[in-house]
Amino acid sequence: MDVVDLGGVTLLPGLIDTHVHLAFDAGFDPVGALLTRSDEEALAAMMDAGRASLRAGVTTVRDLGDRGYLSLWLRDRAGLPTIVVAGPPITSPGGHCYFLGGVAEPTEFGIRKAVREHVDRGVDVIKIMASGPPGCCRRRRY
């Protein structure tokens, strides 16, 4: 085993943030900001958020909700943390964060279909938003 003397420096392993939404910014109205962005603008903002996480020592993030599977485009990019991707969260029509694109009919068949689509797209984890009144993300201020 090699030993490296770092003097008075503390070495910390990379941190893991298990619940992020790279598509949402830290502003007053993150949902409104996302809704005004094109996919290209959203991807650029998501890359900035990923780089900020990495600079803060977070080497892995689990993105639990993006729009239209945008996180898949970032998953293996250099200069970003490791990204565990959920894609758009699965929700009911008009339900919590429906505008991200993960709407499923609230039946066994509808949910199975949504999960299959997510798996076929290559997500790493399934996120289901089963609570919250319809449209609550549009009114909520973070």
C-alpha atoms as a PDB file:
ATOM      1  CA  MET A   1       0.000   0.000   0.000  1.00  0.00           C
ATOM      2  CA  ASP A   2       1.315   3.438  -0.941  1.00  0.00           C
ATOM      3  CA  VAL A   3       1.247   6.162   1.691  1.00  0.00           C
ATOM      4  CA  VAL A   4       1.148   9.795   0.618  1.00  0.00           C
ATOM      5  CA  ASP A   5       2.044  12.409   3.209  1.00  0.00           C
ATOM      6  CA  LEU A   6      -0.252  15.394   2.674  1.00  0.00           C
ATOM      7  CA  GLY A   7       1.138  17.360   5.577  1.00  0.00           C
ATOM      8  CA  GLY A   8      -1.598  19.313   7.353  1.00  0.00           C
ATOM      9  CA  VAL A   9      -4.171  18.740   4.611  1.00  0.00           C
ATOM     10  CA  THR A  10      -7.371  16.795   5.247  1.00  0.00           C
ATOM     11  CA  LEU A  11      -8.393  14.508   2.415  1.00  0.00           C
ATOM     12  CA  LEU A  12     -12.134  13.949   2.103  1.00  0.00           C
ATOM     13  CA  PRO A  13     -13.779  11.479  -0.287  1.00  0.00           C
ATOM     14  CA  GLY A  14     -16.177  12.902  -2.848  1.00  0.00           C
ATOM     15  CA  LEU A  15     -19.619  13.747  -1.507  1.00  0.00           C
ATOM     16  CA  ILE A  16     -22.878  12.343  -2.896  1.00  0.00           C
ATOM     17  CA  ASP A  17     -26.038  14.439  -3.196  1.00  0.00           C
ATOM     18  CA  THR A  18     -28.918  11.975  -3.457  1.00  0.00           C
ATOM     19  CA  HIS A  19     -31.672  14.444  -4.399  1.00  0.00           C
ATOM     20  CA  VAL A  20     -31.040  17.203  -6.920  1.00  0.00           C
ATOM     21  CA  HIS A  21     -32.903  18.741  -9.836  1.00  0.00           C
ATOM     22  CA  LEU A  22     -30.157  20.130 -12.052  1.00  0.00           C
ATOM     23  CA  ALA A  23     -32.831  21.667 -14.289  1.00  0.00           C
ATOM     24  CA  PHE A  24     -34.083  23.962 -11.508  1.00  0.00           C
ATOM     25  CA  ASP A  25     -32.011  26.990 -10.562  1.00  0.00           C
ATOM     26  CA  ALA A  26     -31.684  28.495  -7.097  1.00  0.00           C
ATOM     27  CA  GLY A  27     -33.667  31.614  -7.964  1.00  0.00           C
ATOM     28  CA  PHE A  28     -36.974  32.831  -6.566  1.00  0.00           C
ATOM     29  CA  ASP A  29     -39.025  30.949  -9.204  1.00  0.00           C
ATOM     30  CA  PRO A  30     -37.069  27.909 -10.444  1.00  0.00           C
ATOM     31  CA  VAL A  31     -40.109  26.420 -12.178  1.00  0.00           C
ATOM     32  CA  GLY A  32     -40.881  29.636 -14.024  1.00  0.00           C
ATOM     33  CA  ALA A  33     -37.233  29.976 -15.041  1.00  0.00           C
ATOM     34  CA  LEU A  34     -37.170  26.444 -16.441  1.00  0.00           C
ATOM     35  CA  LEU A  35     -40.423  26.950 -18.335  1.00  0.00           C
ATOM     36  CA  THR A  36     -38.934  29.930 -20.194  1.00  0.00           C
ATOM     37  CA  ARG A  37     -35.750  28.063 -21.237  1.00  0.00           C
ATOM     38  CA  SER A  38     -35.238  26.115 -24.436  1.00  0.00           C
ATOM     39  CA  ASP A  39     -33.726  22.655 -24.070  1.00  0.00           C
ATOM     40  CA  GLU A  40     -30.339  24.062 -25.098  1.00  0.00           C
ATOM     41  CA  GLU A  41     -30.557  26.814 -22.469  1.00  0.00           C
ATOM     42  CA  ALA A  42     -31.705  24.309 -19.850  1.00  0.00           C
ATOM     43  CA  LEU A  43     -28.793  21.987 -20.681  1.00  0.00           C
ATOM     44  CA  ALA A  44     -26.322  24.864 -20.344  1.00  0.00           C
ATOM     45  CA  ALA A  45     -27.795  25.801 -16.943  1.00  0.00           C
ATOM     46  CA  MET A  46     -27.726  22.148 -15.865  1.00  0.00           C
ATOM     47  CA  MET A  47     -24.059  21.898 -16.845  1.00  0.00           C
ATOM     48  CA  ASP A  48     -23.321  25.017 -14.780  1.00  0.00           C
ATOM     49  CA  ALA A  49     -25.147  23.487 -11.799  1.00  0.00           C
ATOM     50  CA  GLY A  50     -23.219  20.247 -12.207  1.00  0.00           C
ATOM     51  CA  ARG A  51     -19.905  22.084 -12.351  1.00  0.00           C
ATOM     52  CA  ALA A  52     -20.835  24.067  -9.229  1.00  0.00           C
ATOM     53  CA  SER A  53     -21.591  20.809  -7.410  1.00  0.00           C
ATOM     54  CA  LEU A  54     -18.252  19.379  -8.452  1.00  0.00           C
ATOM     55  CA  ARG A  55     -16.384  22.502  -7.288  1.00  0.00           C
ATOM     56  CA  ALA A  56     -18.131  22.100  -3.918  1.00  0.00           C
ATOM     57  CA  GLY A  57     -16.805  18.544  -3.585  1.00  0.00           C
ATOM     58  CA  VAL A  58     -19.936  16.692  -4.723  1.00  0.00           C
ATOM     59  CA  THR A  59     -18.675  14.026  -7.109  1.00  0.00           C
ATOM     60  CA  THR A  60     -22.003  12.180  -7.590  1.00  0.00           C
ATOM     61  CA  VAL A  61     -25.556  13.534  -7.866  1.00  0.00           C
ATOM     62  CA  ARG A  62     -28.856  11.721  -8.237  1.00  0.00           C
ATOM     63  CA  ASP A  63     -31.052  13.899 -10.450  1.00  0.00           C
ATOM     64  CA  LEU A  64     -34.610  13.024  -9.473  1.00  0.00           C
ATOM     65  CA  GLY A  65     -36.484  15.003 -12.076  1.00  0.00           C
ATOM     66  CA  ASP A  66     -35.631  16.804 -15.262  1.00  0.00           C
ATOM     67  CA  ARG A  67     -37.514  17.827 -18.375  1.00  0.00           C
ATOM     68  CA  GLY A  68     -37.582  15.482 -21.323  1.00  0.00           C
ATOM     69  CA  TYR A  69     -34.671  13.286 -20.163  1.00  0.00           C
ATOM     70  CA  LEU A  70     -32.153  16.145 -20.460  1.00  0.00           C
ATOM     71  CA  SER A  71     -29.958  14.654 -17.734  1.00  0.00           C
ATOM     72  CA  LEU A  72     -29.208  11.690 -19.992  1.00  0.00           C
ATOM     73  CA  TRP A  73     -27.295  14.089 -22.257  1.00  0.00           C
ATOM     74  CA  LEU A  74     -25.078  15.030 -19.324  1.00  0.00           C
ATOM     75  CA  ARG A  75     -24.616  11.644 -17.673  1.00  0.00           C
ATOM     76  CA  ASP A  76     -21.164  10.788 -19.004  1.00  0.00           C
ATOM     77  CA  ARG A  77     -19.760  14.249 -19.745  1.00  0.00           C
ATOM     78  CA  ALA A  78     -16.283  15.120 -18.554  1.00  0.00           C
ATOM     79  CA  GLY A  79     -16.037  17.942 -16.051  1.00  0.00           C
ATOM     80  CA  LEU A  80     -19.321  17.068 -14.329  1.00  0.00           C
ATOM     81  CA  PRO A  81     -20.088  14.875 -11.343  1.00  0.00           C
ATOM     82  CA  THR A  82     -21.307  11.354 -11.924  1.00  0.00           C
ATOM     83  CA  ILE A  83     -25.032  11.775 -12.607  1.00  0.00           C
ATOM     84  CA  VAL A  84     -27.569   9.113 -11.650  1.00  0.00           C
ATOM     85  CA  VAL A  85     -30.553   9.898 -13.889  1.00  0.00           C
ATOM     86  CA  ALA A  86     -34.285   9.507 -13.218  1.00  0.00           C
ATOM     87  CA  GLY A  87     -35.573  11.501 -16.203  1.00  0.00           C
ATOM     88  CA  PRO A  88     -38.965  13.183 -15.857  1.00  0.00           C
ATOM     89  CA  PRO A  89     -40.659  12.088 -12.629  1.00  0.00           C
ATOM     90  CA  ILE A  90     -43.674   9.862 -13.212  1.00  0.00           C
ATOM     91  CA  THR A  91     -46.842  11.644 -12.105  1.00  0.00           C
ATOM     92  CA  SER A  92     -50.572  11.727 -12.824  1.00  0.00           C
ATOM     93  CA  PRO A  93     -52.156  14.050 -15.426  1.00  0.00           C
ATOM     94  CA  GLY A  94     -51.944  17.572 -13.984  1.00  0.00           C
ATOM     95  CA  GLY A  95     -50.064  16.179 -10.952  1.00  0.00           C
ATOM     96  CA  HIS A  96     -46.901  17.233  -9.168  1.00  0.00           C
ATOM     97  CA  CYS A  97     -44.387  18.518 -11.756  1.00  0.00           C
ATOM     98  CA  TYR A  98     -46.446  17.224 -14.690  1.00  0.00           C
ATOM     99  CA  PHE A  99     -44.830  19.871 -16.905  1.00  0.00           C
ATOM    100  CA  LEU A 100     -41.546  17.935 -16.844  1.00  0.00           C
ATOM    101  CA  GLY A 101     -43.097  15.338 -19.159  1.00  0.00           C
ATOM    102  CA  GLY A 102     -43.484  12.222 -17.012  1.00  0.00           C
ATOM    103  CA  VAL A 103     -47.276  12.062 -17.027  1.00  0.00           C
ATOM    104  CA  ALA A 104     -48.756   8.570 -16.740  1.00  0.00           C
ATOM    105  CA  GLU A 105     -52.369   7.520 -16.739  1.00  0.00           C
ATOM    106  CA  PRO A 106     -53.234   6.587 -13.136  1.00  0.00           C
ATOM    107  CA  THR A 107     -53.855   2.926 -13.904  1.00  0.00           C
ATOM    108  CA  GLU A 108     -51.655  -0.113 -13.537  1.00  0.00           C
ATOM    109  CA  PHE A 109     -51.205  -0.209 -17.323  1.00  0.00           C
ATOM    110  CA  GLY A 110     -50.395   3.515 -17.494  1.00  0.00           C
ATOM    111  CA  ILE A 111     -47.770   3.338 -14.774  1.00  0.00           C
ATOM    112  CA  ARG A 112     -46.186   0.194 -16.232  1.00  0.00           C
ATOM    113  CA  LYS A 113     -46.041   1.898 -19.637  1.00  0.00           C
ATOM    114  CA  ALA A 114     -44.337   4.970 -18.150  1.00  0.00           C
ATOM    115  CA  VAL A 115     -41.798   2.844 -16.278  1.00  0.00           C
ATOM    116  CA  ARG A 116     -41.050   0.852 -19.452  1.00  0.00           C
ATOM    117  CA  GLU A 117     -40.457   4.080 -21.393  1.00  0.00           C
ATOM    118  CA  HIS A 118     -38.061   5.335 -18.725  1.00  0.00           C
ATOM    119  CA  VAL A 119     -36.178   2.036 -18.715  1.00  0.00           C
ATOM    120  CA  ASP A 120     -36.024   2.000 -22.520  1.00  0.00           C
ATOM    121  CA  ARG A 121     -34.560   5.510 -22.453  1.00  0.00           C
ATOM    122  CA  GLY A 122     -31.796   4.276 -20.122  1.00  0.00           C
ATOM    123  CA  VAL A 123     -32.545   5.928 -16.784  1.00  0.00           C
ATOM    124  CA  ASP A 124     -30.777   4.674 -13.674  1.00  0.00           C
ATOM    125  CA  VAL A 125     -33.644   5.080 -11.197  1.00  0.00           C
ATOM    126  CA  ILE A 126     -37.427   5.559 -11.336  1.00  0.00           C
ATOM    127  CA  LYS A 127     -38.853   8.615  -9.559  1.00  0.00           C
ATOM    128  CA  ILE A 128     -42.593   8.647  -8.869  1.00  0.00           C
ATOM    129  CA  MET A 129     -44.282  11.788  -7.552  1.00  0.00           C
ATOM    130  CA  ALA A 130     -47.387  10.287  -6.027  1.00  0.00           C
ATOM    131  CA  SER A 131     -48.307  13.181  -3.758  1.00  0.00           C
ATOM    132  CA  GLY A 132     -49.073  16.842  -4.068  1.00  0.00           C
ATOM    133  CA  PRO A 133     -52.166  18.535  -5.420  1.00  0.00           C
ATOM    134  CA  PRO A 134     -52.441  18.965  -9.190  1.00  0.00           C
ATOM    135  CA  GLY A 135     -50.160  21.688 -10.459  1.00  0.00           C
ATOM    136  CA  CYS A 136     -48.639  22.437  -7.043  1.00  0.00           C
ATOM    137  CA  CYS A 137     -45.164  23.086  -8.456  1.00  0.00           C
ATOM    138  CA  ARG A 138     -46.465  25.986 -10.530  1.00  0.00           C
ATOM    139  CA  ARG A 139     -47.716  27.839  -7.450  1.00  0.00           C
ATOM    140  CA  ARG A 140     -45.037  26.901  -4.964  1.00  0.00           C
ATOM    141  CA  ARG A 141     -42.113  29.202  -4.233  1.00  0.00           C
ATOM    142  CA  TYR A 142     -38.947  27.394  -3.225  1.00  0.00           C
END
